[in-house]
Structures are given as structure tokens and as C-alpha cells.
N, C-alpha and C. Protein backbone atom coordinates (compact mmCIF):
# COMPACT_ATOMS: atom_id res chain seq x y z
N MET A 1 -25.86 -16.00 5.08
CA MET A 1 -24.63 -15.93 5.75
C MET A 1 -23.98 -14.41 4.52
N ILE A 2 -23.25 -13.62 5.31
CA ILE A 2 -22.62 -12.36 4.36
C ILE A 2 -21.61 -12.69 3.12
N ARG A 3 -21.31 -13.86 2.95
CA ARG A 3 -20.13 -14.56 1.85
C ARG A 3 -21.43 -15.10 0.74
N ASP A 4 -22.57 -15.40 1.26
CA ASP A 4 -23.08 -15.21 0.08
C ASP A 4 -23.64 -14.79 -0.85
N LEU A 5 -23.64 -13.07 -0.16
CA LEU A 5 -23.41 -11.94 -0.99
C LEU A 5 -22.53 -11.67 -1.92
N VAL A 6 -21.33 -12.18 -1.74
CA VAL A 6 -20.26 -11.57 -3.21
C VAL A 6 -20.27 -12.44 -3.62
N ARG A 7 -20.22 -11.42 -4.88
CA ARG A 7 -19.50 -11.97 -6.35
C ARG A 7 -18.73 -13.51 -6.40
N PRO A 8 -19.60 -14.20 -6.85
CA PRO A 8 -19.09 -15.72 -6.93
C PRO A 8 -17.39 -15.59 -7.16
N GLU A 9 -17.38 -14.94 -7.79
CA GLU A 9 -15.42 -15.37 -8.91
C GLU A 9 -14.69 -14.52 -7.72
N LEU A 10 -14.92 -13.67 -6.82
CA LEU A 10 -14.51 -13.07 -5.63
C LEU A 10 -14.18 -14.30 -4.28
N GLN A 11 -15.53 -14.63 -4.12
CA GLN A 11 -15.45 -15.75 -3.21
C GLN A 11 -14.47 -16.92 -3.36
N LYS A 12 -13.47 -16.86 -4.27
CA LYS A 12 -12.83 -17.95 -4.83
C LYS A 12 -11.27 -17.61 -4.27
N LEU A 13 -11.55 -16.02 -4.07
CA LEU A 13 -10.14 -15.20 -4.09
C LEU A 13 -9.20 -15.97 -2.42
N VAL A 14 -8.15 -15.70 -2.35
CA VAL A 14 -7.63 -16.41 -0.95
C VAL A 14 -6.55 -14.78 -0.79
N PRO A 15 -6.74 -14.41 0.35
CA PRO A 15 -6.04 -13.30 0.54
C PRO A 15 -4.65 -13.09 0.70
N TYR A 16 -3.61 -12.79 0.42
CA TYR A 16 -2.59 -12.34 0.74
C TYR A 16 -2.33 -12.06 1.99
N VAL A 17 -1.48 -12.89 2.65
CA VAL A 17 -1.09 -13.02 4.10
C VAL A 17 0.49 -12.69 4.33
N SER A 18 0.70 -11.16 4.59
CA SER A 18 2.21 -11.03 5.73
C SER A 18 2.36 -12.07 6.89
N HIS A 19 3.45 -12.61 6.55
CA HIS A 19 3.74 -13.75 7.85
C HIS A 19 4.42 -12.71 8.67
N GLN A 20 4.18 -12.56 9.91
CA GLN A 20 4.63 -11.62 11.42
C GLN A 20 5.35 -12.86 11.56
N ILE A 21 6.82 -13.23 10.77
CA ILE A 21 7.68 -14.23 11.13
C ILE A 21 9.18 -13.05 11.43
N PRO A 22 9.88 -13.34 12.25
CA PRO A 22 10.86 -12.02 12.83
C PRO A 22 12.34 -12.55 11.90
N TYR A 23 12.06 -12.29 11.40
CA TYR A 23 13.39 -12.29 9.86
C TYR A 23 13.86 -10.96 10.59
N ARG A 24 15.44 -11.19 9.73
CA ARG A 24 16.11 -10.40 10.21
C ARG A 24 15.71 -9.08 9.18
N ILE A 25 15.79 -8.96 7.96
CA ILE A 25 15.09 -8.70 6.59
C ILE A 25 13.83 -9.11 5.91
N LYS A 26 12.82 -8.26 5.91
CA LYS A 26 11.49 -8.51 5.82
C LYS A 26 11.40 -7.73 3.90
N LEU A 27 11.27 -8.85 3.06
CA LEU A 27 11.05 -7.95 1.81
C LEU A 27 9.17 -8.55 1.38
N ASP A 28 8.85 -8.95 1.76
CA ASP A 28 7.29 -9.94 1.53
C ASP A 28 6.40 -8.86 1.94
N ALA A 29 6.67 -7.69 3.25
CA ALA A 29 5.53 -6.67 3.80
C ALA A 29 6.16 -4.71 3.32
N ASN A 30 6.81 -5.40 2.50
CA ASN A 30 7.24 -4.35 1.85
C ASN A 30 7.60 -3.12 3.56
N GLU A 31 8.67 -3.64 4.07
CA GLU A 31 9.00 -3.25 5.74
C GLU A 31 10.58 -2.73 5.26
N SER A 32 10.77 -1.56 5.68
CA SER A 32 12.37 -1.46 5.90
C SER A 32 12.87 -1.89 6.85
N PRO A 33 14.06 -2.57 6.80
CA PRO A 33 15.29 -3.21 7.41
C PRO A 33 15.87 -2.00 8.51
N PHE A 34 15.62 -0.66 8.42
CA PHE A 34 16.27 0.15 8.96
C PHE A 34 15.18 0.93 9.90
N GLU A 35 15.79 1.49 10.59
CA GLU A 35 14.96 2.70 12.19
C GLU A 35 14.83 3.77 11.22
N LEU A 36 13.30 4.89 11.98
CA LEU A 36 13.54 6.36 11.01
C LEU A 36 14.49 6.86 12.23
N PRO A 37 15.48 7.68 11.21
CA PRO A 37 16.57 8.14 12.42
C PRO A 37 15.78 9.27 13.12
N GLU A 38 16.47 9.35 14.33
CA GLU A 38 16.01 9.94 15.47
C GLU A 38 15.56 11.63 15.17
N SER A 39 16.05 12.43 14.03
CA SER A 39 15.61 13.52 13.50
C SER A 39 14.55 13.78 13.20
N ILE A 40 14.24 12.40 12.04
CA ILE A 40 12.78 12.23 11.71
C ILE A 40 11.55 12.09 12.38
N ARG A 41 12.08 11.03 13.46
CA ARG A 41 10.96 10.60 14.46
C ARG A 41 10.49 11.89 15.25
N LYS A 42 11.48 12.88 16.01
CA LYS A 42 11.38 13.76 16.44
C LYS A 42 10.55 14.77 15.49
N LYS A 43 10.71 15.27 14.18
CA LYS A 43 9.93 16.29 13.61
C LYS A 43 8.04 15.65 13.38
N LEU A 44 8.54 14.24 13.09
CA LEU A 44 6.79 13.65 13.19
C LEU A 44 6.35 13.84 14.62
N ALA A 45 6.93 13.79 15.74
CA ALA A 45 6.49 13.84 17.18
C ALA A 45 5.69 14.96 17.38
N ASP A 46 6.76 16.18 16.86
CA ASP A 46 6.59 17.55 17.19
C ASP A 46 5.27 17.69 15.68
N TYR A 47 5.10 17.66 14.60
CA TYR A 47 3.81 17.47 14.07
C TYR A 47 2.79 16.94 14.49
N PHE A 48 2.59 15.65 14.99
CA PHE A 48 1.47 15.41 15.58
C PHE A 48 1.00 16.25 16.96
N LEU A 49 1.79 16.54 18.03
CA LEU A 49 1.65 16.94 18.87
C LEU A 49 1.31 18.61 18.77
N LYS A 50 1.50 19.26 17.06
CA LYS A 50 0.83 20.50 17.08
C LYS A 50 -0.75 20.32 16.50
N GLY A 51 -0.99 19.06 16.87
CA GLY A 51 -2.70 18.25 16.28
C GLY A 51 -2.95 19.10 14.47
N PRO A 52 -2.19 17.72 13.78
CA PRO A 52 -2.37 18.39 12.37
C PRO A 52 -3.89 18.34 11.73
N GLY A 53 -5.05 18.09 12.82
CA GLY A 53 -6.09 17.87 12.14
C GLY A 53 -6.48 16.56 11.88
N LEU A 54 -6.24 15.67 12.82
CA LEU A 54 -6.71 14.63 13.02
C LEU A 54 -8.15 13.79 12.73
N ASN A 55 -9.17 14.83 13.29
CA ASN A 55 -10.48 14.72 13.99
C ASN A 55 -10.95 15.12 12.62
N ILE A 56 -10.69 15.60 10.96
CA ILE A 56 -11.16 14.82 10.22
C ILE A 56 -10.22 14.29 8.86
N TYR A 57 -11.42 13.64 8.23
CA TYR A 57 -11.07 12.93 7.49
C TYR A 57 -9.71 13.47 6.65
N PRO A 58 -8.90 12.30 5.97
CA PRO A 58 -7.98 12.95 4.98
C PRO A 58 -7.98 12.80 3.73
N ASP A 59 -7.56 13.59 2.99
CA ASP A 59 -7.69 13.88 1.29
C ASP A 59 -7.43 12.57 0.58
N ASN A 60 -8.59 11.84 0.30
CA ASN A 60 -8.31 10.43 -0.48
C ASN A 60 -7.91 10.52 -1.69
N GLU A 61 -7.50 11.98 -2.18
CA GLU A 61 -7.19 12.02 -3.49
C GLU A 61 -5.56 12.41 -3.60
N SER A 62 -5.23 12.55 -2.28
CA SER A 62 -3.63 12.80 -1.86
C SER A 62 -3.33 14.01 -3.11
N VAL A 63 -3.74 15.13 -2.78
CA VAL A 63 -3.83 16.02 -4.14
C VAL A 63 -2.45 16.55 -3.64
N GLU A 64 -2.32 17.30 -2.16
CA GLU A 64 -1.47 17.86 -1.85
C GLU A 64 0.80 16.73 -2.25
N LEU A 65 0.09 15.35 -1.95
CA LEU A 65 1.24 14.75 -2.33
C LEU A 65 1.54 14.27 -3.81
N ARG A 66 0.31 14.48 -4.13
CA ARG A 66 1.23 14.00 -6.07
C ARG A 66 1.63 15.46 -6.49
N LYS A 67 1.24 16.56 -6.16
CA LYS A 67 1.85 17.57 -6.17
C LYS A 67 3.26 17.72 -6.09
N THR A 68 3.60 17.59 -5.45
CA THR A 68 4.62 17.28 -4.85
C THR A 68 5.54 16.28 -5.57
N ILE A 69 5.02 15.44 -5.98
CA ILE A 69 5.50 14.24 -6.60
C ILE A 69 5.69 14.88 -7.69
N ALA A 70 4.75 15.24 -8.97
CA ALA A 70 4.28 15.57 -10.24
C ALA A 70 5.50 16.49 -10.49
N LYS A 71 5.83 17.80 -9.52
CA LYS A 71 6.60 19.13 -9.30
C LYS A 71 8.29 18.60 -9.80
N HIS A 72 8.44 17.16 -8.43
CA HIS A 72 9.72 16.78 -8.36
C HIS A 72 9.85 16.13 -9.95
N TRP A 73 8.97 15.04 -10.35
CA TRP A 73 9.67 14.18 -11.83
C TRP A 73 8.80 14.93 -12.71
N ASN A 74 8.83 16.61 -12.73
CA ASN A 74 8.58 17.36 -14.17
C ASN A 74 7.28 16.66 -15.01
N VAL A 75 6.30 16.12 -14.04
CA VAL A 75 5.19 15.13 -14.65
C VAL A 75 3.69 16.15 -14.33
N GLU A 76 2.92 15.95 -14.53
CA GLU A 76 1.27 16.55 -14.24
C GLU A 76 1.00 15.98 -12.90
N PRO A 77 0.47 16.41 -11.99
CA PRO A 77 -0.23 15.81 -10.75
C PRO A 77 -1.09 14.63 -11.16
N ASP A 78 -2.64 14.49 -12.37
CA ASP A 78 -3.06 14.02 -12.87
C ASP A 78 -2.41 12.54 -13.37
N GLU A 79 -1.30 12.36 -13.51
CA GLU A 79 -0.28 10.68 -14.22
C GLU A 79 0.56 10.40 -13.28
N VAL A 80 -0.07 10.97 -11.88
CA VAL A 80 0.92 10.66 -10.38
C VAL A 80 -0.42 9.29 -9.64
N VAL A 81 -0.22 8.65 -9.46
CA VAL A 81 -1.05 7.38 -8.40
C VAL A 81 -0.45 7.57 -7.20
N VAL A 82 -1.23 7.48 -5.99
CA VAL A 82 -0.58 7.03 -5.01
C VAL A 82 -1.16 6.27 -4.44
N GLY A 83 -0.79 5.37 -3.66
CA GLY A 83 -1.79 4.69 -2.98
C GLY A 83 -1.41 4.53 -0.82
N THR A 84 -2.33 3.68 -0.62
CA THR A 84 -1.92 3.54 0.68
C THR A 84 -0.74 1.96 1.24
N GLY A 85 -0.77 2.18 0.27
CA GLY A 85 0.49 0.71 0.17
C GLY A 85 0.62 -0.55 -1.50
N SER A 86 1.83 -1.07 -1.41
CA SER A 86 1.66 -1.42 -2.86
C SER A 86 0.44 -2.70 -2.66
N ASN A 87 -0.36 -3.19 -2.17
CA ASN A 87 -1.38 -3.90 -2.21
C ASN A 87 -2.50 -3.26 -2.94
N GLN A 88 -2.71 -2.10 -2.15
CA GLN A 88 -3.73 -0.95 -2.34
C GLN A 88 -3.27 -0.56 -4.53
N LEU A 89 -1.66 -0.73 -4.50
CA LEU A 89 -2.02 -0.34 -5.91
C LEU A 89 -1.98 -1.15 -6.81
N ILE A 90 -1.76 -2.52 -6.44
CA ILE A 90 -1.88 -3.87 -7.48
C ILE A 90 -3.33 -3.65 -7.43
N GLN A 91 -4.38 -3.67 -6.03
CA GLN A 91 -5.19 -3.87 -6.55
C GLN A 91 -6.17 -3.04 -7.43
N MET A 92 -5.69 -2.10 -7.42
CA MET A 92 -5.99 -0.88 -8.82
C MET A 92 -5.61 -1.15 -10.12
N ILE A 93 -4.71 -1.53 -10.18
CA ILE A 93 -4.14 -1.82 -11.54
C ILE A 93 -4.76 -3.49 -11.94
N ILE A 94 -4.92 -4.11 -11.28
CA ILE A 94 -5.98 -5.25 -11.61
C ILE A 94 -7.16 -4.92 -11.92
N THR A 95 -7.80 -4.23 -10.84
CA THR A 95 -9.45 -3.50 -11.21
C THR A 95 -9.42 -2.97 -12.61
N VAL A 96 -8.33 -2.35 -12.79
CA VAL A 96 -8.92 -1.12 -14.35
C VAL A 96 -8.44 -2.03 -15.74
N PHE A 97 -7.38 -3.55 -14.82
CA PHE A 97 -6.91 -4.00 -16.44
C PHE A 97 -7.29 -4.52 -16.53
N VAL A 98 -7.56 -5.91 -15.48
CA VAL A 98 -8.01 -7.45 -15.45
C VAL A 98 -9.37 -7.64 -15.51
N GLY A 99 -10.49 -8.04 -16.54
CA GLY A 99 -11.68 -8.22 -16.34
C GLY A 99 -11.92 -9.66 -16.37
N THR A 100 -12.97 -10.01 -15.80
CA THR A 100 -13.24 -11.16 -15.33
C THR A 100 -13.40 -12.45 -15.85
N GLY A 101 -12.96 -13.52 -15.80
CA GLY A 101 -12.52 -14.45 -16.47
C GLY A 101 -11.02 -14.45 -16.64
N GLU A 102 -10.34 -13.72 -16.92
CA GLU A 102 -9.04 -13.13 -17.47
C GLU A 102 -7.76 -13.73 -16.13
N LYS A 103 -6.95 -14.59 -17.09
CA LYS A 103 -6.20 -14.24 -15.86
C LYS A 103 -4.61 -13.79 -15.22
N VAL A 104 -3.90 -13.86 -14.40
CA VAL A 104 -3.33 -13.31 -13.88
C VAL A 104 -2.05 -14.26 -13.31
N VAL A 105 -0.70 -13.67 -14.09
CA VAL A 105 0.69 -14.55 -13.56
C VAL A 105 1.43 -13.66 -12.75
N TYR A 106 1.77 -13.98 -11.49
CA TYR A 106 2.13 -13.57 -10.20
C TYR A 106 2.73 -13.91 -9.73
N PRO A 107 4.28 -13.59 -9.20
CA PRO A 107 5.19 -14.33 -8.31
C PRO A 107 4.65 -14.81 -6.93
N TRP A 108 4.89 -16.35 -6.50
CA TRP A 108 4.96 -16.18 -5.35
C TRP A 108 6.04 -16.68 -4.10
N PRO A 109 5.95 -16.42 -2.97
CA PRO A 109 7.02 -16.42 -2.05
C PRO A 109 7.64 -17.56 -2.06
N HIS A 110 8.63 -18.35 -2.13
CA HIS A 110 9.20 -19.58 -1.23
C HIS A 110 8.61 -19.62 -0.22
N SER A 111 8.42 -20.90 0.49
CA SER A 111 8.34 -21.21 1.83
C SER A 111 9.28 -21.08 2.56
N GLN A 112 10.40 -22.01 2.13
CA GLN A 112 11.60 -21.92 2.60
C GLN A 112 12.57 -20.33 2.82
N CYS A 113 12.42 -19.55 3.63
CA CYS A 113 13.32 -18.01 3.55
C CYS A 113 14.36 -18.39 4.40
N ILE A 114 15.50 -18.03 4.48
CA ILE A 114 16.94 -17.77 4.54
C ILE A 114 16.80 -16.59 6.21
N LYS A 115 16.99 -17.12 7.47
CA LYS A 115 16.76 -16.17 8.19
C LYS A 115 17.99 -15.75 8.59
């Protein structure tokens, strides 16, 4: 079975699950409780209707985005780290700074949430 080929220390990891419960405000899934304004939705629709090159791979180094953020904050682009979401950024931090056998302390959401 493929699971037997995975590194032993990774086999024990339990993936984070974002519960799909209809709360009014969900903070555990990094979602905004606010809809995008109509003007922004129209700009996005226009952008995609013009064909922004969806047939090619995206820039996995986010060069233009990092340049824009760097310019705004007056730093160098290689001082900016971006990811596809908080999970990827947390994974990058752990991969870089946490060694095999080391422990990480992190908060766990309480199971009794207020709706």
C-alpha cells in the first residue's frame, strides 16, 4: 500500500480539517464574512473574459506579486514570502525551522463554537 512508502514520522500526522458548518462568521477557515463588492466582482469577470492565459502554468514564485508587495512595504522582493493560503505558509515555516523529532505547540479550536 502507498501509505507504507510514506516516511514513518509523516504517517502519524493528522491533517487539519476545516469544518463546513454554516456559522455566521468562520475564523478557522481563513474566510471573510463579507462578500466582494460588485465593482470588484465585475473587474474579475472582465479579466477572466479577456483570457488571462489560463492555459499556462502560473508563476510559482509569484514574482510580480512579491515585487508589488515589496514596493508597497519598501523592502526587497526576496524578503517577501507568499503562499496559496495560511496552511501552505505554516507548512513552509515548519519545513524550514522544525526538525525531525522536535515538538511544536499550537492552539486547537475549541469544539463548542458559538453560532
